[in-house]
């Protein structure tokens, strides 16, 4: 998954403003205690980050 696709999925699921808040503010235990932005900056695959977001926010399987 590319970063642009990841951003599109985030915006589609949460809306642009909430996606930005989730990316910057929510700390995910599945990402080693990192936010989305920290995880991506540390080189974690965007697909793995998306999976952590989906799990934390109960995104339905059809939109994962």
PDB file of N, CA and C in Angstrom:
ATOM      1  N   UNK A   1       0.841  -1.175   0.000  1.00  0.00           N
ATOM      2  CA  UNK A   1       0.000   0.000   0.000  1.00  0.00           C
ATOM      3  C   UNK A   1       0.886   1.239   0.000  1.00  0.00           C
ATOM      4  N   UNK A   2       0.529   2.194  -0.837  1.00  0.00           N
ATOM      5  CA  UNK A   2       1.284   3.450  -0.878  1.00  0.00           C
ATOM      6  C   UNK A   2       0.698   4.451   0.112  1.00  0.00           C
ATOM      7  N   UNK A   3       1.502   5.455   0.450  1.00  0.00           N
ATOM      8  CA  UNK A   3       1.059   6.475   1.389  1.00  0.00           C
ATOM      9  C   UNK A   3      -0.194   7.187   0.892  1.00  0.00           C
ATOM     10  N   UNK A   4      -0.264   7.455  -0.407  1.00  0.00           N
ATOM     11  CA  UNK A   4      -1.433   8.157  -0.938  1.00  0.00           C
ATOM     12  C   UNK A   4      -2.700   7.323  -0.765  1.00  0.00           C
ATOM     13  N   UNK A   5      -2.602   6.037  -0.989  1.00  0.00           N
ATOM     14  CA  UNK A   5      -3.766   5.162  -0.794  1.00  0.00           C
ATOM     15  C   UNK A   5      -4.152   5.135   0.682  1.00  0.00           C
ATOM     16  N   UNK A   6      -3.157   5.075   1.555  1.00  0.00           N
ATOM     17  CA  UNK A   6      -3.425   5.081   2.990  1.00  0.00           C
ATOM     18  C   UNK A   6      -4.185   6.351   3.381  1.00  0.00           C
ATOM     19  N   UNK A   7      -3.719   7.502   2.907  1.00  0.00           N
ATOM     20  CA  UNK A   7      -4.369   8.786   3.222  1.00  0.00           C
ATOM     21  C   UNK A   7      -5.797   8.822   2.675  1.00  0.00           C
ATOM     22  N   UNK A   8      -6.003   8.283   1.490  1.00  0.00           N
ATOM     23  CA  UNK A   8      -7.347   8.232   0.914  1.00  0.00           C
ATOM     24  C   UNK A   8      -8.279   7.367   1.761  1.00  0.00           C
ATOM     25  N   UNK A   9      -7.777   6.237   2.235  1.00  0.00           N
ATOM     26  CA  UNK A   9      -8.581   5.363   3.096  1.00  0.00           C
ATOM     27  C   UNK A   9      -8.930   6.056   4.405  1.00  0.00           C
ATOM     28  N   UNK A  10      -7.960   6.734   5.000  1.00  0.00           N
ATOM     29  CA  UNK A  10      -8.201   7.463   6.250  1.00  0.00           C
ATOM     30  C   UNK A  10      -9.253   8.547   6.045  1.00  0.00           C
ATOM     31  N   UNK A  11      -9.089   9.347   4.996  1.00  0.00           N
ATOM     32  CA  UNK A  11     -10.047  10.423   4.718  1.00  0.00           C
ATOM     33  C   UNK A  11     -11.427   9.867   4.411  1.00  0.00           C
ATOM     34  N   UNK A  12     -11.472   8.771   3.676  1.00  0.00           N
ATOM     35  CA  UNK A  12     -12.751   8.158   3.340  1.00  0.00           C
ATOM     36  C   UNK A  12     -13.473   7.606   4.551  1.00  0.00           C
ATOM     37  N   UNK A  13     -12.734   7.058   5.484  1.00  0.00           N
ATOM     38  CA  UNK A  13     -13.331   6.455   6.669  1.00  0.00           C
ATOM     39  C   UNK A  13     -13.741   7.491   7.709  1.00  0.00           C
ATOM     40  N   UNK A  14     -12.894   8.496   7.920  1.00  0.00           N
ATOM     41  CA  UNK A  14     -13.100   9.426   9.029  1.00  0.00           C
ATOM     42  C   UNK A  14     -13.443  10.848   8.611  1.00  0.00           C
ATOM     43  N   UNK A  15     -13.247  11.186   7.333  1.00  0.00           N
ATOM     44  CA  UNK A  15     -13.321  12.579   6.920  1.00  0.00           C
ATOM     45  C   UNK A  15     -11.956  13.216   7.158  1.00  0.00           C
ATOM     46  N   UNK A  16     -11.634  14.235   6.404  1.00  0.00           N
ATOM     47  CA  UNK A  16     -10.281  14.802   6.440  1.00  0.00           C
ATOM     48  C   UNK A  16      -9.881  15.318   7.822  1.00  0.00           C
ATOM     49  N   UNK A  17     -10.762  16.052   8.475  1.00  0.00           N
ATOM     50  CA  UNK A  17     -10.413  16.642   9.774  1.00  0.00           C
ATOM     51  C   UNK A  17     -10.210  15.574  10.845  1.00  0.00           C
ATOM     52  N   UNK A  18     -11.137  14.630  10.916  1.00  0.00           N
ATOM     53  CA  UNK A  18     -11.009  13.576  11.946  1.00  0.00           C
ATOM     54  C   UNK A  18      -9.838  12.649  11.633  1.00  0.00           C
ATOM     55  N   UNK A  19      -9.593  12.379  10.353  1.00  0.00           N
ATOM     56  CA  UNK A  19      -8.451  11.544   9.974  1.00  0.00           C
ATOM     57  C   UNK A  19      -7.151  12.176  10.452  1.00  0.00           C
ATOM     58  N   UNK A  20      -7.044  13.489  10.303  1.00  0.00           N
ATOM     59  CA  UNK A  20      -5.841  14.191  10.770  1.00  0.00           C
ATOM     60  C   UNK A  20      -5.706  14.078  12.283  1.00  0.00           C
ATOM     61  N   UNK A  21      -6.814  14.218  12.991  1.00  0.00           N
ATOM     62  CA  UNK A  21      -6.777  14.106  14.452  1.00  0.00           C
ATOM     63  C   UNK A  21      -6.380  12.701  14.887  1.00  0.00           C
ATOM     64  N   UNK A  22      -6.976  11.698  14.259  1.00  0.00           N
ATOM     65  CA  UNK A  22      -6.623  10.309  14.589  1.00  0.00           C
ATOM     66  C   UNK A  22      -5.145  10.064  14.313  1.00  0.00           C
ATOM     67  N   UNK A  23      -4.651  10.563  13.208  1.00  0.00           N
ATOM     68  CA  UNK A  23      -3.255  10.346  12.811  1.00  0.00           C
ATOM     69  C   UNK A  23      -2.264  10.979  13.778  1.00  0.00           C
ATOM     70  N   UNK A  24      -2.641  12.120  14.318  1.00  0.00           N
ATOM     71  CA  UNK A  24      -1.709  12.867  15.167  1.00  0.00           C
ATOM     72  C   UNK A  24      -1.880  12.603  16.657  1.00  0.00           C
ATOM     73  N   UNK A  25      -3.089  12.235  17.080  1.00  0.00           N
ATOM     74  CA  UNK A  25      -3.383  12.198  18.515  1.00  0.00           C
ATOM     75  C   UNK A  25      -3.535  10.816  19.130  1.00  0.00           C
ATOM     76  N   UNK A  26      -4.045   9.856  18.377  1.00  0.00           N
ATOM     77  CA  UNK A  26      -4.328   8.530  18.947  1.00  0.00           C
ATOM     78  C   UNK A  26      -3.042   7.702  18.978  1.00  0.00           C
ATOM     79  N   UNK A  27      -2.721   7.175  20.145  1.00  0.00           N
ATOM     80  CA  UNK A  27      -1.559   6.301  20.307  1.00  0.00           C
ATOM     81  C   UNK A  27      -2.061   4.856  20.249  1.00  0.00           C
ATOM     82  N   UNK A  28      -1.464   4.082  19.350  1.00  0.00           N
ATOM     83  CA  UNK A  28      -1.894   2.706  19.103  1.00  0.00           C
ATOM     84  C   UNK A  28      -0.906   1.731  19.733  1.00  0.00           C
ATOM     85  N   UNK A  29      -1.406   0.871  20.614  1.00  0.00           N
ATOM     86  CA  UNK A  29      -0.526  -0.131  21.221  1.00  0.00           C
ATOM     87  C   UNK A  29      -0.004  -1.094  20.160  1.00  0.00           C
ATOM     88  N   UNK A  30      -0.833  -1.370  19.124  1.00  0.00           N
ATOM     89  CA  UNK A  30      -0.417  -2.286  18.056  1.00  0.00           C
ATOM     90  C   UNK A  30       0.760  -1.740  17.245  1.00  0.00           C
ATOM     91  N   UNK A  31       0.996  -0.444  17.363  1.00  0.00           N
ATOM     92  CA  UNK A  31       2.106   0.194  16.646  1.00  0.00           C
ATOM     93  C   UNK A  31       3.246   0.540  17.597  1.00  0.00           C
ATOM     94  N   UNK A  32       3.309  -0.180  18.692  1.00  0.00           N
ATOM     95  CA  UNK A  32       4.399   0.038  19.640  1.00  0.00           C
ATOM     96  C   UNK A  32       4.284   1.338  20.410  1.00  0.00           C
ATOM     97  N   UNK A  33       3.054   1.773  20.673  1.00  0.00           N
ATOM     98  CA  UNK A  33       2.852   3.006  21.423  1.00  0.00           C
ATOM     99  C   UNK A  33       3.102   4.252  20.589  1.00  0.00           C
ATOM    100  N   UNK A  34       2.898   4.134  19.288  1.00  0.00           N
ATOM    101  CA  UNK A  34       3.115   5.261  18.374  1.00  0.00           C
ATOM    102  C   UNK A  34       1.783   5.771  17.840  1.00  0.00           C
ATOM    103  N   UNK A  35       1.802   7.014  17.384  1.00  0.00           N
ATOM    104  CA  UNK A  35       0.683   7.528  16.610  1.00  0.00           C
ATOM    105  C   UNK A  35       0.859   7.052  15.173  1.00  0.00           C
ATOM    106  N   UNK A  36      -0.154   7.265  14.341  1.00  0.00           N
ATOM    107  CA  UNK A  36      -0.047   6.938  12.918  1.00  0.00           C
ATOM    108  C   UNK A  36       1.149   7.662  12.307  1.00  0.00           C
ATOM    109  N   UNK A  37       1.254   8.951  12.576  1.00  0.00           N
ATOM    110  CA  UNK A  37       2.336   9.744  11.977  1.00  0.00           C
ATOM    111  C   UNK A  37       3.707   9.241  12.421  1.00  0.00           C
ATOM    112  N   UNK A  38       3.847   8.904  13.683  1.00  0.00           N
ATOM    113  CA  UNK A  38       5.118   8.383  14.184  1.00  0.00           C
ATOM    114  C   UNK A  38       5.442   7.040  13.545  1.00  0.00           C
ATOM    115  N   UNK A  39       4.440   6.174  13.441  1.00  0.00           N
ATOM    116  CA  UNK A  39       4.660   4.849  12.854  1.00  0.00           C
ATOM    117  C   UNK A  39       5.102   4.967  11.401  1.00  0.00           C
ATOM    118  N   UNK A  40       4.437   5.812  10.638  1.00  0.00           N
ATOM    119  CA  UNK A  40       4.818   5.988   9.231  1.00  0.00           C
ATOM    120  C   UNK A  40       6.217   6.588   9.116  1.00  0.00           C
ATOM    121  N   UNK A  41       6.529   7.557   9.967  1.00  0.00           N
ATOM    122  CA  UNK A  41       7.856   8.176   9.949  1.00  0.00           C
ATOM    123  C   UNK A  41       8.947   7.175  10.328  1.00  0.00           C
ATOM    124  N   UNK A  42       8.594   6.202  11.151  1.00  0.00           N
ATOM    125  CA  UNK A  42       9.549   5.174  11.565  1.00  0.00           C
ATOM    126  C   UNK A  42       9.659   4.035  10.561  1.00  0.00           C
ATOM    127  N   UNK A  43       8.932   4.142   9.451  1.00  0.00           N
ATOM    128  CA  UNK A  43       9.065   3.150   8.391  1.00  0.00           C
ATOM    129  C   UNK A  43       8.133   1.957   8.469  1.00  0.00           C
ATOM    130  N   UNK A  44       7.151   2.013   9.336  1.00  0.00           N
ATOM    131  CA  UNK A  44       6.196   0.906   9.401  1.00  0.00           C
ATOM    132  C   UNK A  44       5.326   0.958   8.145  1.00  0.00           C
ATOM    133  N   UNK A  45       5.099  -0.197   7.559  1.00  0.00           N
ATOM    134  CA  UNK A  45       4.320  -0.319   6.330  1.00  0.00           C
ATOM    135  C   UNK A  45       2.932   0.290   6.519  1.00  0.00           C
ATOM    136  N   UNK A  46       2.513   1.154   5.604  1.00  0.00           N
ATOM    137  CA  UNK A  46       1.175   1.761   5.714  1.00  0.00           C
ATOM    138  C   UNK A  46       0.048   0.734   5.833  1.00  0.00           C
ATOM    139  N   UNK A  47       0.197  -0.432   5.220  1.00  0.00           N
ATOM    140  CA  UNK A  47      -0.841  -1.465   5.346  1.00  0.00           C
ATOM    141  C   UNK A  47      -0.950  -1.921   6.801  1.00  0.00           C
ATOM    142  N   UNK A  48       0.174  -2.086   7.483  1.00  0.00           N
ATOM    143  CA  UNK A  48       0.158  -2.481   8.890  1.00  0.00           C
ATOM    144  C   UNK A  48      -0.467  -1.379   9.749  1.00  0.00           C
ATOM    145  N   UNK A  49      -0.171  -0.140   9.414  1.00  0.00           N
ATOM    146  CA  UNK A  49      -0.748   0.991  10.144  1.00  0.00           C
ATOM    147  C   UNK A  49      -2.258   1.020   9.921  1.00  0.00           C
ATOM    148  N   UNK A  50      -2.706   0.834   8.678  1.00  0.00           N
ATOM    149  CA  UNK A  50      -4.131   0.819   8.375  1.00  0.00           C
ATOM    150  C   UNK A  50      -4.829  -0.295   9.144  1.00  0.00           C
ATOM    151  N   UNK A  51      -4.206  -1.458   9.223  1.00  0.00           N
ATOM    152  CA  UNK A  51      -4.792  -2.577   9.977  1.00  0.00           C
ATOM    153  C   UNK A  51      -4.975  -2.199  11.444  1.00  0.00           C
ATOM    154  N   UNK A  52      -3.987  -1.541  12.031  1.00  0.00           N
ATOM    155  CA  UNK A  52      -4.095  -1.123  13.433  1.00  0.00           C
ATOM    156  C   UNK A  52      -5.227  -0.115  13.616  1.00  0.00           C
ATOM    157  N   UNK A  53      -5.360   0.811  12.688  1.00  0.00           N
ATOM    158  CA  UNK A  53      -6.447   1.790  12.749  1.00  0.00           C
ATOM    159  C   UNK A  53      -7.793   1.071  12.646  1.00  0.00           C
ATOM    160  N   UNK A  54      -7.904   0.163  11.690  1.00  0.00           N
ATOM    161  CA  UNK A  54      -9.152  -0.576  11.498  1.00  0.00           C
ATOM    162  C   UNK A  54      -9.538  -1.364  12.738  1.00  0.00           C
ATOM    163  N   UNK A  55      -8.567  -2.016  13.351  1.00  0.00           N
ATOM    164  CA  UNK A  55      -8.838  -2.801  14.556  1.00  0.00           C
ATOM    165  C   UNK A  55      -9.289  -1.903  15.706  1.00  0.00           C
ATOM    166  N   UNK A  56      -8.621  -0.775  15.880  1.00  0.00           N
ATOM    167  CA  UNK A  56      -8.932   0.120  16.992  1.00  0.00           C
ATOM    168  C   UNK A  56     -10.292   0.796  16.835  1.00  0.00           C
ATOM    169  N   UNK A  57     -10.671   1.081  15.604  1.00  0.00           N
ATOM    170  CA  UNK A  57     -11.912   1.810  15.348  1.00  0.00           C
ATOM    171  C   UNK A  57     -13.024   0.938  14.764  1.00  0.00           C
ATOM    172  N   UNK A  58     -12.844  -0.376  14.823  1.00  0.00           N
ATOM    173  CA  UNK A  58     -13.864  -1.324  14.357  1.00  0.00           C
ATOM    174  C   UNK A  58     -14.375  -1.010  12.949  1.00  0.00           C
ATOM    175  N   UNK A  59     -13.433  -0.766  12.043  1.00  0.00           N
ATOM    176  CA  UNK A  59     -13.796  -0.535  10.652  1.00  0.00           C
ATOM    177  C   UNK A  59     -14.305  -1.872  10.086  1.00  0.00           C
ATOM    178  N   UNK A  60     -15.476  -1.858   9.450  1.00  0.00           N
ATOM    179  CA  UNK A  60     -16.032  -3.109   8.924  1.00  0.00           C
ATOM    180  C   UNK A  60     -15.103  -3.749   7.885  1.00  0.00           C
ATOM    181  N   UNK A  61     -15.103  -5.071   7.826  1.00  0.00           N
ATOM    182  CA  UNK A  61     -14.216  -5.781   6.893  1.00  0.00           C
ATOM    183  C   UNK A  61     -14.331  -5.311   5.444  1.00  0.00           C
ATOM    184  N   UNK A  62     -15.503  -4.926   5.017  1.00  0.00           N
ATOM    185  CA  UNK A  62     -15.687  -4.491   3.623  1.00  0.00           C
ATOM    186  C   UNK A  62     -14.905  -3.221   3.294  1.00  0.00           C
ATOM    187  N   UNK A  63     -14.548  -2.436   4.330  1.00  0.00           N
ATOM    188  CA  UNK A  63     -13.812  -1.195   4.073  1.00  0.00           C
ATOM    189  C   UNK A  63     -12.345  -1.269   4.481  1.00  0.00           C
ATOM    190  N   UNK A  64     -11.883  -2.464   4.790  1.00  0.00           N
ATOM    191  CA  UNK A  64     -10.484  -2.603   5.220  1.00  0.00           C
ATOM    192  C   UNK A  64      -9.548  -2.745   4.066  1.00  0.00           C
TER     193      UNK A  64
END
